[in-house]
Amino acid sequence: MVKNIMSYKDFAGSINFSAEDRTFFGKIEFINDSITFEGSNVEELEAAFHEAVDDYLELCKLNGKEPERAFKGTFNVRIEPELHRTVAREALFEGVSLNQFVEDAIREKVSKDNKNRMEHA
């Protein structure tokens, strides 16, 4: 289970705490802008996150702008050489590219995690 993350309307919000200010704060992740929120307790933080998401969606709608950051679909992953060899061999034996093998593995993991999250919600 991931800590320090809130979810609302398919948006993720990071959660941090400033001991100096005794304030919880966070930002909406994976969007094109920098939108932050804060609260002095968990309830205030959650309400501020919801309000920030709602306000952001409304602002994007008014400006005819896509709210979420576009992902290109490519990223670099560094793994141990022996794991790389094993994965490449498995992909070869399955008759798929290394990219397809990794994509399938990620899809399976995400699907399984989403199912578990829904069962425990």
Protein backbone atom coordinates (compact mmCIF):
# COMPACT_ATOMS: atom_id res chain seq x y z
CA MET A 1 0.00 0.00 0.00
CA VAL A 2 1.33 3.41 -0.97
CA LYS A 3 1.56 6.00 1.77
CA ASN A 4 1.43 9.76 1.38
CA ILE A 5 -0.87 9.69 -1.66
CA MET A 6 -4.51 10.74 -1.88
CA SER A 7 -6.85 9.97 -4.77
CA TYR A 8 -9.89 11.89 -6.02
CA LYS A 9 -11.56 11.84 -9.45
CA ASP A 10 -8.63 9.82 -10.85
CA PHE A 11 -6.13 12.46 -9.70
CA ALA A 12 -3.30 11.70 -7.30
CA GLY A 13 -2.20 14.13 -4.64
CA SER A 14 1.09 13.87 -2.80
CA ILE A 15 1.04 14.41 0.96
CA ASN A 16 3.80 15.96 3.05
CA PHE A 17 4.10 17.40 6.54
CA SER A 18 6.05 20.45 7.68
CA ALA A 19 6.96 20.05 11.35
CA GLU A 20 8.14 23.65 11.43
CA ASP A 21 4.78 25.00 10.23
CA ARG A 22 2.76 22.09 11.69
CA THR A 23 0.93 21.91 8.35
CA PHE A 24 0.10 19.14 5.93
CA PHE A 25 0.62 20.08 2.28
CA GLY A 26 0.67 18.47 -1.11
CA LYS A 27 0.37 18.93 -4.83
CA ILE A 28 -1.69 17.40 -7.60
CA GLU A 29 0.57 15.00 -9.48
CA PHE A 30 0.70 14.30 -13.24
CA ILE A 31 -0.85 17.55 -14.40
CA ASN A 32 0.46 20.29 -16.65
CA ASP A 33 0.35 22.95 -13.92
CA SER A 34 1.57 23.26 -10.36
CA ILE A 35 -1.46 23.06 -8.06
CA THR A 36 -0.87 22.77 -4.31
CA PHE A 37 -3.12 22.39 -1.28
CA GLU A 38 -2.69 22.40 2.49
CA GLY A 39 -4.47 21.84 5.78
CA SER A 40 -3.76 21.77 9.49
CA ASN A 41 -5.22 18.27 9.87
CA VAL A 42 -6.13 15.31 7.68
CA GLU A 43 -9.74 16.40 7.20
CA GLU A 44 -8.72 19.90 6.09
CA LEU A 45 -6.02 18.47 3.82
CA GLU A 46 -8.48 16.11 2.13
CA ALA A 47 -11.06 18.86 1.67
CA ALA A 48 -8.40 21.19 0.26
CA PHE A 49 -7.24 18.46 -2.16
CA HIS A 50 -10.80 17.88 -3.39
CA GLU A 51 -11.32 21.62 -3.79
CA ALA A 52 -8.00 21.98 -5.65
CA VAL A 53 -8.95 19.19 -8.09
CA ASP A 54 -12.44 20.59 -8.65
CA ASP A 55 -11.09 24.12 -9.17
CA TYR A 56 -8.40 22.87 -11.53
CA LEU A 57 -10.90 20.91 -13.62
CA GLU A 58 -13.18 23.94 -13.83
CA LEU A 59 -10.28 26.21 -14.81
CA CYS A 60 -9.17 23.77 -17.52
CA LYS A 61 -12.73 23.53 -18.82
CA LEU A 62 -13.06 27.32 -18.98
CA ASN A 63 -9.76 27.59 -20.86
CA GLY A 64 -10.45 24.64 -23.19
CA LYS A 65 -7.33 22.93 -21.87
CA GLU A 66 -6.57 19.25 -21.27
CA PRO A 67 -5.99 18.88 -17.48
CA GLU A 68 -3.74 15.84 -17.32
CA ARG A 69 -0.15 15.74 -18.47
CA ALA A 70 0.26 13.80 -21.69
CA PHE A 71 2.44 10.72 -21.34
CA LYS A 72 4.54 9.79 -24.37
CA GLY A 73 4.47 6.06 -23.64
CA THR A 74 8.23 5.71 -23.38
CA PHE A 75 10.50 5.64 -20.36
CA ASN A 76 13.90 4.23 -19.47
CA VAL A 77 14.18 1.48 -16.91
CA ARG A 78 17.45 0.33 -15.40
CA ILE A 79 17.58 -3.22 -14.07
CA GLU A 80 20.28 -5.68 -13.08
CA PRO A 81 22.06 -7.22 -16.08
CA GLU A 82 21.09 -10.76 -15.06
CA LEU A 83 17.41 -9.80 -14.85
CA HIS A 84 17.73 -8.10 -18.23
CA ARG A 85 19.15 -11.32 -19.69
CA THR A 86 16.37 -13.42 -18.13
CA VAL A 87 13.62 -11.11 -19.38
CA ALA A 88 15.10 -10.94 -22.88
CA ARG A 89 15.27 -14.76 -23.02
CA GLU A 90 11.68 -15.11 -21.79
CA ALA A 91 10.50 -12.63 -24.42
CA LEU A 92 12.35 -14.57 -27.11
CA PHE A 93 10.81 -17.87 -26.00
CA GLU A 94 7.34 -16.28 -25.98
CA GLY A 95 7.94 -14.87 -29.45
CA VAL A 96 7.41 -11.24 -28.47
CA SER A 97 9.66 -8.19 -28.33
CA LEU A 98 11.29 -7.18 -25.08
CA ASN A 99 9.09 -4.05 -25.06
CA GLN A 100 5.93 -6.14 -25.47
CA PHE A 101 7.02 -8.55 -22.74
CA VAL A 102 7.66 -5.69 -20.29
CA GLU A 103 4.42 -3.93 -21.24
CA ASP A 104 2.46 -7.15 -20.64
CA ALA A 105 4.16 -7.65 -17.27
CA ILE A 106 3.38 -4.09 -16.20
CA ARG A 107 -0.23 -4.41 -17.39
CA GLU A 108 -0.64 -7.66 -15.42
CA LYS A 109 0.84 -6.10 -12.26
CA VAL A 110 -1.31 -2.97 -12.49
CA SER A 111 -4.44 -5.01 -13.15
CA LYS A 112 -3.74 -7.25 -10.17
CA ASP A 113 -2.98 -4.28 -7.89
CA ASN A 114 -6.15 -2.44 -8.98
CA LYS A 115 -8.23 -5.56 -8.30
CA ASN A 116 -6.70 -5.92 -4.82
CA ARG A 117 -7.19 -2.22 -4.09
CA MET A 118 -10.88 -2.46 -5.06
CA GLU A 119 -11.38 -5.55 -2.87
CA HIS A 120 -9.90 -3.74 0.15
CA ALA A 121 -11.62 -0.39 -0.42
